Protein backbone atom coordinates (compact mmCIF):
# COMPACT_ATOMS: atom_id res chain seq x y z
CA UNK A 1 196.54 115.98 72.73
CA UNK A 2 195.01 118.77 70.65
CA UNK A 3 191.77 120.19 72.05
CA UNK A 4 188.86 119.72 69.64
CA UNK A 5 185.74 121.90 69.31
CA UNK A 6 183.58 119.17 70.91
CA UNK A 7 185.96 118.65 73.82
CA UNK A 8 184.74 118.17 77.38
CA UNK A 9 186.12 117.04 80.72
CA UNK A 10 186.86 113.32 80.83
CA UNK A 11 184.47 112.66 83.75
CA UNK A 12 181.62 114.35 81.86
CA UNK A 13 182.46 112.36 78.73
CA UNK A 14 182.32 109.07 80.64
CA UNK A 15 179.03 110.03 82.30
CA UNK A 16 177.45 110.99 78.99
CA UNK A 17 178.70 107.72 77.49
CA UNK A 18 176.74 105.87 80.18
CA UNK A 19 179.75 104.47 82.04
CA UNK A 20 178.83 105.94 85.43
CA UNK A 21 178.17 109.24 87.19
CA UNK A 22 180.78 112.03 87.08
CA UNK A 23 181.74 111.37 90.68
CA UNK A 24 182.25 107.66 90.01
CA UNK A 25 184.19 108.51 86.85
CA UNK A 26 186.57 110.66 88.87
CA UNK A 27 187.18 107.71 91.19
CA UNK A 28 187.85 105.40 88.23
CA UNK A 29 190.47 107.89 87.05
CA UNK A 30 192.10 108.06 90.48
CA UNK A 31 192.14 104.24 90.54
CA UNK A 32 194.13 104.21 87.30
CA UNK A 33 191.44 102.46 85.26
CA UNK A 34 190.98 105.09 82.56
CA UNK A 35 193.28 105.32 79.51
CA UNK A 36 193.27 108.05 76.85
CA UNK A 37 195.09 107.30 73.62
CA UNK A 38 196.89 104.40 75.24
CA UNK A 39 198.11 106.27 78.33
CA UNK A 40 196.72 106.01 81.84
CA UNK A 41 195.45 109.33 83.21
CA UNK A 42 195.75 110.29 86.86
CA UNK A 43 193.64 113.45 87.02
CA UNK A 44 190.05 114.30 85.96
CA UNK A 45 191.32 117.76 84.88
CA UNK A 46 191.62 116.67 81.28
CA UNK A 47 189.59 117.55 78.20
CA UNK A 48 188.87 114.88 75.59
CA UNK A 49 186.88 114.75 72.35
CA UNK A 50 185.24 112.16 70.15
CA UNK A 51 188.53 111.81 68.28
CA UNK A 52 190.35 110.47 71.35
CA UNK A 53 190.53 106.72 72.08
CA UNK A 54 189.27 106.14 75.60
CA UNK A 55 189.11 102.86 77.50
CA UNK A 56 187.89 101.92 80.98
CA UNK A 57 189.18 98.62 82.36
CA UNK A 58 190.36 97.85 78.83
CA UNK A 59 186.91 98.36 77.28
CA UNK A 60 186.65 101.02 74.53
CA UNK A 61 184.18 103.80 75.35
CA UNK A 62 182.28 105.44 72.53
CA UNK A 63 180.58 108.81 72.84
CA UNK A 64 176.86 108.46 73.42
CA UNK A 65 174.64 109.28 70.47
CA UNK A 66 171.34 109.61 72.33
CA UNK A 67 169.85 108.84 75.72
CA UNK A 68 168.25 105.43 76.02
CA UNK A 69 166.43 103.89 78.97
CA UNK A 70 165.19 100.39 79.71
CA UNK A 71 162.68 98.88 82.14
CA UNK A 72 164.02 95.75 83.81
CA UNK A 73 162.08 93.41 86.07
CA UNK A 74 164.80 92.50 88.54
CA UNK A 75 164.36 89.01 90.00
CA UNK A 76 165.14 88.07 93.60
CA UNK A 77 168.67 86.77 94.10
CA UNK A 78 170.71 89.27 92.07
CA UNK A 79 172.91 92.16 93.19
CA UNK A 80 172.73 95.57 91.50
CA UNK A 81 176.44 95.71 90.78
CA UNK A 82 178.85 94.59 88.04
CA UNK A 83 180.84 92.21 90.21
CA UNK A 84 180.74 90.75 93.70
CA UNK A 85 183.78 89.65 95.75
CA UNK A 86 181.68 86.78 97.14
CA UNK A 87 180.76 85.56 93.68
CA UNK A 88 177.04 86.14 94.03
CA UNK A 89 175.07 86.66 90.79
CA UNK A 90 174.54 90.22 89.57
CA UNK A 91 171.89 91.82 87.38
CA UNK A 92 174.47 92.24 84.65
CA UNK A 93 175.12 88.49 84.66
CA UNK A 94 171.39 88.11 84.11
CA UNK A 95 171.38 90.79 81.38
CA UNK A 96 174.36 89.50 79.39
CA UNK A 97 172.12 87.74 76.87
CA UNK A 98 169.88 90.78 76.28
CA UNK A 99 172.30 92.52 73.88
CA UNK A 100 172.15 95.84 75.73
CA UNK A 101 174.91 98.44 75.35
CA UNK A 102 176.91 99.50 78.39
CA UNK A 103 174.35 100.65 80.98
CA UNK A 104 174.12 101.79 84.57
CA UNK A 105 171.23 101.20 86.93
CA UNK A 106 169.14 104.02 88.35
CA UNK A 107 169.41 103.38 92.07
CA UNK A 108 169.33 99.83 93.35
CA UNK A 109 167.14 97.05 94.66
CA UNK A 110 168.75 94.83 97.27
CA UNK A 111 169.51 91.12 96.79
CA UNK A 112 166.14 89.92 98.09
CA UNK A 113 164.00 92.62 96.45
CA UNK A 114 162.37 92.48 93.04
CA UNK A 115 160.48 94.62 90.57
CA UNK A 116 161.22 97.66 88.45
CA UNK A 117 164.81 98.73 87.94
CA UNK A 118 165.70 101.38 85.38
CA UNK A 119 168.80 101.02 83.20
CA UNK A 120 170.27 103.80 81.08
CA UNK A 121 173.26 104.56 78.88
CA UNK A 122 173.42 108.08 80.38
CA UNK A 123 175.16 108.24 83.75
CA UNK A 124 174.14 111.85 84.31
CA UNK A 125 170.47 110.93 83.84
CA UNK A 126 170.85 108.10 86.35
CA UNK A 127 172.27 110.53 88.88
CA UNK A 128 169.46 113.05 88.23
CA UNK A 129 166.72 110.48 88.75
CA UNK A 130 168.34 109.27 91.99
CA UNK A 131 168.66 112.71 93.61
CA UNK A 132 166.21 113.38 96.49
CA UNK A 133 165.65 116.87 95.01
CA UNK A 134 164.19 115.27 91.87
CA UNK A 135 161.56 113.65 94.13
CA UNK A 136 160.74 110.70 91.88
CA UNK A 137 157.94 108.73 93.49
CA UNK A 138 158.65 105.04 94.04
CA UNK A 139 155.66 102.75 94.62
CA UNK A 140 156.05 99.36 96.31
CA UNK A 141 154.04 96.35 97.36
CA UNK A 142 155.48 94.90 100.54
CA UNK A 143 154.57 91.73 102.39
CA UNK A 144 155.41 91.48 106.08
CA UNK A 145 154.98 88.86 108.76
CA UNK A 146 152.13 89.82 111.09
CA UNK A 147 148.81 91.63 110.91
CA UNK A 148 149.50 95.33 110.44
CA UNK A 149 146.89 97.96 111.34
CA UNK A 150 146.44 101.25 109.47
CA UNK A 151 147.09 103.38 112.56
CA UNK A 152 150.55 101.82 112.92
CA UNK A 153 151.50 103.14 109.49
CA UNK A 154 149.96 106.61 109.84
CA UNK A 155 152.94 107.88 111.85
CA UNK A 156 155.17 107.47 108.79
CA UNK A 157 153.45 110.39 107.03
CA UNK A 158 155.41 112.81 109.21
CA UNK A 159 158.69 111.10 108.49
CA UNK A 160 160.70 109.07 110.96
CA UNK A 161 164.24 109.05 112.36
CA UNK A 162 165.89 105.70 113.09
CA UNK A 163 169.40 105.44 114.58
CA UNK A 164 170.19 109.00 113.52
CA UNK A 165 168.95 108.59 109.93
CA UNK A 166 165.91 110.66 108.96
CA UNK A 167 163.46 109.27 106.44
CA UNK A 168 161.08 111.66 104.71
CA UNK A 169 157.30 111.35 104.65
CA UNK A 170 156.08 107.94 103.49
CA UNK A 171 152.57 107.05 102.40
CA UNK A 172 151.69 103.56 103.61
CA UNK A 173 148.38 101.71 103.63
CA UNK A 174 147.36 98.13 104.33
CA UNK A 175 146.25 96.47 101.09
CA UNK A 176 145.00 93.24 102.64
CA UNK A 177 145.83 90.49 105.10
CA UNK A 178 146.81 87.03 103.89
CA UNK A 179 146.98 84.28 106.47
CA UNK A 180 149.54 85.55 109.03
CA UNK A 181 150.98 88.13 106.61
CA UNK A 182 150.02 91.67 105.58
CA UNK A 183 150.42 93.28 102.16
CA UNK A 184 151.24 96.99 102.32
CA UNK A 185 151.36 99.67 99.61
CA UNK A 186 154.12 102.22 100.16
CA UNK A 187 155.13 105.41 98.33
CA UNK A 188 158.58 106.95 98.85
CA UNK A 189 160.22 110.07 97.43
CA UNK A 190 163.83 109.14 98.19
CA UNK A 191 165.91 106.00 98.05
CA UNK A 192 168.02 105.51 101.14
CA UNK A 193 169.72 102.14 101.54
CA UNK A 194 167.28 99.40 102.64
CA UNK A 195 164.81 102.15 103.62
CA UNK A 196 161.59 100.12 103.61
CA UNK A 197 163.07 97.13 105.41
CA UNK A 198 164.62 99.26 108.14
CA UNK A 199 161.46 101.29 108.72
CA UNK A 200 159.15 98.29 108.93
CA UNK A 201 161.61 96.37 111.11
CA UNK A 202 161.65 99.42 113.40
CA UNK A 203 157.86 99.04 113.67
CA UNK A 204 158.30 95.38 114.53
CA UNK A 205 157.59 93.75 111.16
CA UNK A 206 159.95 91.58 109.10
CA UNK A 207 159.69 92.02 105.33
CA UNK A 208 159.42 88.73 103.44
CA UNK A 209 158.68 90.14 99.99
CA UNK A 210 159.31 93.55 98.41
CA UNK A 211 158.28 94.53 94.86
CA UNK A 212 158.87 97.93 93.24
CA UNK A 213 156.00 98.84 90.93
CA UNK A 214 157.16 102.15 89.53
CA UNK A 215 159.94 104.72 89.51
CA UNK A 216 158.77 108.23 88.65
CA UNK A 217 157.00 108.19 85.30
CA UNK A 218 158.04 104.59 84.56
CA UNK A 219 155.88 101.55 85.38
CA UNK A 220 156.66 97.86 85.86
CA UNK A 221 153.33 96.96 84.24
CA UNK A 222 153.14 93.38 82.93
CA UNK A 223 156.89 92.94 82.52
CA UNK A 224 157.79 89.41 83.62
CA UNK A 225 160.61 88.61 86.03
CA UNK A 226 163.96 88.86 84.23
CA UNK A 227 162.52 90.65 81.20
CA UNK A 228 163.83 93.96 79.89
CA UNK A 229 162.09 96.45 77.58
CA UNK A 230 163.34 99.70 76.07
CA UNK A 231 161.28 102.84 76.69
CA UNK A 232 160.24 104.46 73.38
CA UNK A 233 162.07 107.66 72.51
CA UNK A 234 158.83 109.62 72.08
CA UNK A 235 157.90 108.83 75.70
CA UNK A 236 161.32 109.91 76.96
CA UNK A 237 160.82 113.23 75.16
CA UNK A 238 157.57 113.70 77.11
CA UNK A 239 158.89 112.91 80.60
CA UNK A 240 162.61 113.80 80.73
CA UNK A 241 164.28 117.22 80.82
CA UNK A 242 165.59 118.28 77.41
CA UNK A 243 169.14 118.46 78.74
CA UNK A 244 169.24 114.65 78.80
CA UNK A 245 167.93 114.14 75.27
C-alpha cells in the first residue's frame, strides 16, 4: 500500500471516523476485525489514507468530514453498548430508526438510569470528554428510599473512599422529600462505574431513580425520553477545543 499525503495510523483513522477510541481501535485490530483493502490487519502499526478501503466487522468505514454531536434522552431499560450476550435491549436498538451515522456514546448510563447521553461521530472527542482531567461537570437528580438529611451529604464534599476506590469531591443537596423518598441534586466531575449508586448505598440509601440533567456544556432540557437532537455546529465551535472541529 502506497503511503498518501493524508495518511495516518489506522487506530487514529478509526477514532476520527467515530468508530471508537484509539485504544478500542487497537483492540479491534488485535481481534482481527479490521480489514484494509480486503486483507485483515494484525498490527496497529499501519498507516492508511482516505484512498484505502477499510472495514470493521464487514462495515465500510468512511473518513469523518466534521465532528458532530447529538443529545439523546436515554430511557430506562437500555444498555449503553452495541450488543449484549444476554439479549437485553441496547441504546443502539432504540436509535436504529433515527437515521444517525455510526456513533459512539460519551461515557455511559447504566441499565436502570435515564437522562442525557451524548453521542458523537468522533471517538477522540468522546475520549476527551470522558477523561477525569477534562473535569466535565455532570448534574443529576436522584431519588432514594428514605428521608435524607443535608448533614449526611456534606461529607461527600471532601471525597470518599469505598472498598479501595476513591471518589472525588461531590456536591450533593436535598431537593425535597416525597412521601418516604428523598430527591437529591448531585454534581460530579468524573464518571466512575455506578458511582452515584455505590456512594449512596454506602450511606445507607437505595437509589430508585437516577436522571442525568447535563454533561459539561450540554443540557438535557426538554428533550423527551427516547428523543435525539443534534447540537448545532455553531454551538460546538463555542464549547469544544478547535482540535476536534
